[in-house]
Amino acid sequence: MINKEIKVTEVLNVCGLLCPLPLLKAKKRLCELPVGSVLEVIATDPGSRRDFLAFIDHSDNDMLRMSEEDNKFIYIIRKGNA
């Protein structure tokens, strides 16, 4: 796998919030950003992983990277056309 540098447009910290708030805040912010923008979301709720995967499966957005570091879940999402 080639590890390319991803240029993040904006970072959204939703640490401390429980589902469904991390996803709802991320969806709201994505709606405000132009197509092609890259949003990095940092969450602490383990349930957010399931929510973000389902969201990506049912949207035009792309999950560029998903990782866990120091009990934080990091999602890097590129906004699609819708």
N, C-alpha and C. Protein backbone atom coordinates (compact mmCIF):
# COMPACT_ATOMS: atom_id res chain seq x y z
N MET A 1 0.83 -1.18 0.00
CA MET A 1 0.00 0.00 0.00
C MET A 1 0.87 1.24 0.00
N ILE A 2 0.56 2.18 -0.86
CA ILE A 2 1.31 3.42 -0.94
C ILE A 2 0.75 4.40 0.09
N ASN A 3 1.61 4.94 0.92
CA ASN A 3 1.18 5.88 1.95
C ASN A 3 1.36 7.30 1.43
N LYS A 4 0.30 7.87 0.89
CA LYS A 4 0.35 9.23 0.37
C LYS A 4 -0.05 10.22 1.45
N GLU A 5 0.55 11.38 1.40
CA GLU A 5 0.19 12.45 2.32
C GLU A 5 -1.19 12.97 1.95
N ILE A 6 -2.07 13.08 2.92
CA ILE A 6 -3.42 13.58 2.70
C ILE A 6 -3.50 15.00 3.22
N LYS A 7 -3.96 15.91 2.37
CA LYS A 7 -4.10 17.31 2.78
C LYS A 7 -5.49 17.51 3.39
N VAL A 8 -5.53 17.69 4.69
CA VAL A 8 -6.78 17.86 5.42
C VAL A 8 -7.20 19.32 5.34
N THR A 9 -8.47 19.54 4.97
CA THR A 9 -9.04 20.87 4.87
C THR A 9 -9.40 21.42 6.25
N GLU A 10 -9.97 20.55 7.08
CA GLU A 10 -10.46 20.97 8.39
C GLU A 10 -10.46 19.80 9.36
N VAL A 11 -10.27 20.10 10.65
CA VAL A 11 -10.30 19.09 11.70
C VAL A 11 -11.51 19.37 12.59
N LEU A 12 -12.27 18.31 12.88
CA LEU A 12 -13.44 18.42 13.75
C LEU A 12 -13.21 17.52 14.95
N ASN A 13 -13.12 18.11 16.14
CA ASN A 13 -12.89 17.36 17.37
C ASN A 13 -14.24 17.13 18.04
N VAL A 14 -14.66 15.86 18.10
CA VAL A 14 -15.91 15.51 18.75
C VAL A 14 -15.65 14.59 19.95
N CYS A 15 -14.47 14.70 20.52
CA CYS A 15 -14.10 13.89 21.68
C CYS A 15 -15.05 14.18 22.84
N GLY A 16 -15.43 13.11 23.53
CA GLY A 16 -16.32 13.24 24.67
C GLY A 16 -17.80 13.11 24.31
N LEU A 17 -18.12 13.19 23.03
CA LEU A 17 -19.52 13.06 22.61
C LEU A 17 -19.84 11.60 22.33
N LEU A 18 -21.06 11.20 22.64
CA LEU A 18 -21.49 9.83 22.40
C LEU A 18 -22.38 9.76 21.18
N CYS A 19 -22.46 8.56 20.59
CA CYS A 19 -23.29 8.35 19.40
C CYS A 19 -24.73 8.75 19.69
N PRO A 20 -25.35 9.38 18.75
CA PRO A 20 -24.95 9.61 17.36
C PRO A 20 -24.30 10.97 17.12
N LEU A 21 -23.98 11.72 18.18
CA LEU A 21 -23.49 13.09 18.01
C LEU A 21 -22.23 13.23 17.17
N PRO A 22 -21.20 12.36 17.31
CA PRO A 22 -20.02 12.54 16.46
C PRO A 22 -20.36 12.50 14.96
N LEU A 23 -21.19 11.55 14.57
CA LEU A 23 -21.56 11.45 13.15
C LEU A 23 -22.44 12.62 12.73
N LEU A 24 -23.39 13.01 13.56
CA LEU A 24 -24.27 14.13 13.20
C LEU A 24 -23.49 15.42 13.01
N LYS A 25 -22.54 15.68 13.88
CA LYS A 25 -21.72 16.89 13.75
C LYS A 25 -20.84 16.82 12.50
N ALA A 26 -20.31 15.63 12.21
CA ALA A 26 -19.48 15.47 11.01
C ALA A 26 -20.31 15.66 9.75
N LYS A 27 -21.51 15.09 9.71
CA LYS A 27 -22.39 15.25 8.54
C LYS A 27 -22.75 16.72 8.33
N LYS A 28 -23.04 17.42 9.41
CA LYS A 28 -23.37 18.84 9.31
C LYS A 28 -22.20 19.64 8.75
N ARG A 29 -21.02 19.34 9.24
CA ARG A 29 -19.83 20.07 8.76
C ARG A 29 -19.53 19.74 7.31
N LEU A 30 -19.66 18.48 6.93
CA LEU A 30 -19.44 18.09 5.54
C LEU A 30 -20.39 18.83 4.60
N CYS A 31 -21.63 19.02 5.02
CA CYS A 31 -22.61 19.75 4.20
C CYS A 31 -22.16 21.19 3.94
N GLU A 32 -21.44 21.75 4.87
CA GLU A 32 -20.99 23.15 4.77
C GLU A 32 -19.72 23.30 3.93
N LEU A 33 -18.99 22.22 3.73
CA LEU A 33 -17.72 22.27 3.01
C LEU A 33 -17.94 22.05 1.51
N PRO A 34 -17.06 22.60 0.67
CA PRO A 34 -17.18 22.35 -0.77
C PRO A 34 -16.76 20.93 -1.14
N VAL A 35 -17.27 20.46 -2.28
CA VAL A 35 -16.93 19.13 -2.79
C VAL A 35 -15.41 19.01 -2.92
N GLY A 36 -14.89 17.86 -2.52
CA GLY A 36 -13.46 17.61 -2.59
C GLY A 36 -12.71 17.96 -1.31
N SER A 37 -13.36 18.65 -0.38
CA SER A 37 -12.74 18.98 0.89
C SER A 37 -12.48 17.71 1.69
N VAL A 38 -11.47 17.77 2.55
CA VAL A 38 -11.12 16.61 3.38
C VAL A 38 -11.29 16.99 4.84
N LEU A 39 -12.19 16.27 5.51
CA LEU A 39 -12.50 16.51 6.92
C LEU A 39 -11.88 15.40 7.77
N GLU A 40 -11.11 15.81 8.76
CA GLU A 40 -10.58 14.86 9.74
C GLU A 40 -11.43 14.96 11.00
N VAL A 41 -12.00 13.84 11.41
CA VAL A 41 -12.84 13.80 12.60
C VAL A 41 -12.12 13.00 13.67
N ILE A 42 -12.04 13.56 14.88
CA ILE A 42 -11.40 12.89 16.00
C ILE A 42 -12.48 12.64 17.05
N ALA A 43 -12.70 11.35 17.38
CA ALA A 43 -13.75 10.96 18.31
C ALA A 43 -13.20 10.02 19.37
N THR A 44 -13.92 9.91 20.48
CA THR A 44 -13.52 8.98 21.54
C THR A 44 -14.53 7.86 21.74
N ASP A 45 -15.68 7.95 21.13
CA ASP A 45 -16.72 6.93 21.28
C ASP A 45 -16.43 5.74 20.36
N PRO A 46 -16.19 4.54 20.93
CA PRO A 46 -15.92 3.37 20.09
C PRO A 46 -17.06 3.04 19.13
N GLY A 47 -18.28 3.39 19.49
CA GLY A 47 -19.43 3.14 18.62
C GLY A 47 -19.42 3.99 17.36
N SER A 48 -18.61 5.04 17.36
CA SER A 48 -18.56 5.91 16.19
C SER A 48 -18.02 5.17 14.97
N ARG A 49 -17.19 4.18 15.18
CA ARG A 49 -16.62 3.41 14.06
C ARG A 49 -17.72 2.80 13.21
N ARG A 50 -18.66 2.14 13.86
CA ARG A 50 -19.79 1.51 13.16
C ARG A 50 -20.62 2.57 12.43
N ASP A 51 -20.88 3.69 13.10
CA ASP A 51 -21.69 4.76 12.50
C ASP A 51 -21.02 5.36 11.27
N PHE A 52 -19.73 5.64 11.36
CA PHE A 52 -19.03 6.25 10.24
C PHE A 52 -18.93 5.30 9.04
N LEU A 53 -18.71 4.02 9.30
CA LEU A 53 -18.65 3.04 8.21
C LEU A 53 -19.99 2.94 7.50
N ALA A 54 -21.08 2.91 8.25
CA ALA A 54 -22.41 2.85 7.64
C ALA A 54 -22.69 4.13 6.84
N PHE A 55 -22.31 5.26 7.38
CA PHE A 55 -22.51 6.54 6.69
C PHE A 55 -21.78 6.56 5.35
N ILE A 56 -20.53 6.13 5.35
CA ILE A 56 -19.73 6.12 4.12
C ILE A 56 -20.34 5.17 3.09
N ASP A 57 -20.82 4.02 3.55
CA ASP A 57 -21.44 3.05 2.64
C ASP A 57 -22.68 3.60 1.94
N HIS A 58 -23.36 4.55 2.57
CA HIS A 58 -24.61 5.08 2.03
C HIS A 58 -24.50 6.53 1.58
N SER A 59 -23.30 6.99 1.28
CA SER A 59 -23.11 8.37 0.83
C SER A 59 -22.12 8.40 -0.33
N ASP A 60 -21.96 9.58 -0.89
CA ASP A 60 -20.98 9.78 -1.97
C ASP A 60 -19.61 10.17 -1.44
N ASN A 61 -19.45 10.17 -0.14
CA ASN A 61 -18.18 10.55 0.47
C ASN A 61 -17.23 9.35 0.50
N ASP A 62 -15.93 9.64 0.61
CA ASP A 62 -14.91 8.58 0.64
C ASP A 62 -14.15 8.61 1.96
N MET A 63 -13.99 7.43 2.57
CA MET A 63 -13.16 7.31 3.76
C MET A 63 -11.72 7.12 3.27
N LEU A 64 -10.89 8.14 3.46
CA LEU A 64 -9.50 8.07 3.01
C LEU A 64 -8.64 7.31 4.00
N ARG A 65 -8.97 7.44 5.27
CA ARG A 65 -8.20 6.73 6.30
C ARG A 65 -9.06 6.63 7.55
N MET A 66 -8.89 5.52 8.25
CA MET A 66 -9.56 5.31 9.53
C MET A 66 -8.54 4.66 10.44
N SER A 67 -8.34 5.24 11.62
CA SER A 67 -7.34 4.68 12.52
C SER A 67 -7.72 4.92 13.97
N GLU A 68 -7.00 4.26 14.86
CA GLU A 68 -7.18 4.45 16.29
C GLU A 68 -5.82 4.73 16.91
N GLU A 69 -5.75 5.84 17.64
CA GLU A 69 -4.49 6.22 18.30
C GLU A 69 -4.82 6.77 19.68
N ASP A 70 -4.19 6.25 20.70
CA ASP A 70 -4.37 6.73 22.07
C ASP A 70 -5.84 6.84 22.47
N ASN A 71 -6.60 5.78 22.21
CA ASN A 71 -8.03 5.72 22.53
C ASN A 71 -8.87 6.77 21.82
N LYS A 72 -8.36 7.26 20.69
CA LYS A 72 -9.11 8.19 19.86
C LYS A 72 -9.28 7.55 18.49
N PHE A 73 -10.45 7.75 17.92
CA PHE A 73 -10.77 7.22 16.60
C PHE A 73 -10.70 8.37 15.60
N ILE A 74 -9.91 8.18 14.57
CA ILE A 74 -9.66 9.23 13.59
C ILE A 74 -10.21 8.79 12.25
N TYR A 75 -11.06 9.64 11.68
CA TYR A 75 -11.68 9.39 10.38
C TYR A 75 -11.31 10.53 9.44
N ILE A 76 -10.78 10.19 8.30
CA ILE A 76 -10.44 11.23 7.30
C ILE A 76 -11.34 10.96 6.10
N ILE A 77 -12.23 11.93 5.85
CA ILE A 77 -13.29 11.78 4.87
C ILE A 77 -13.20 12.87 3.80
N ARG A 78 -13.27 12.43 2.54
CA ARG A 78 -13.32 13.40 1.43
C ARG A 78 -14.77 13.56 1.00
N LYS A 79 -15.22 14.81 0.94
CA LYS A 79 -16.59 15.08 0.57
C LYS A 79 -16.82 14.76 -0.91
N GLY A 80 -17.89 14.01 -1.14
CA GLY A 80 -18.28 13.65 -2.50
C GLY A 80 -19.19 14.68 -3.12
N ASN A 81 -19.85 14.29 -4.20
CA ASN A 81 -20.67 15.21 -4.99
C ASN A 81 -22.00 15.57 -4.38
N ALA A 82 -22.49 14.77 -3.46
CA ALA A 82 -23.84 15.05 -2.93
C ALA A 82 -23.80 15.81 -1.64
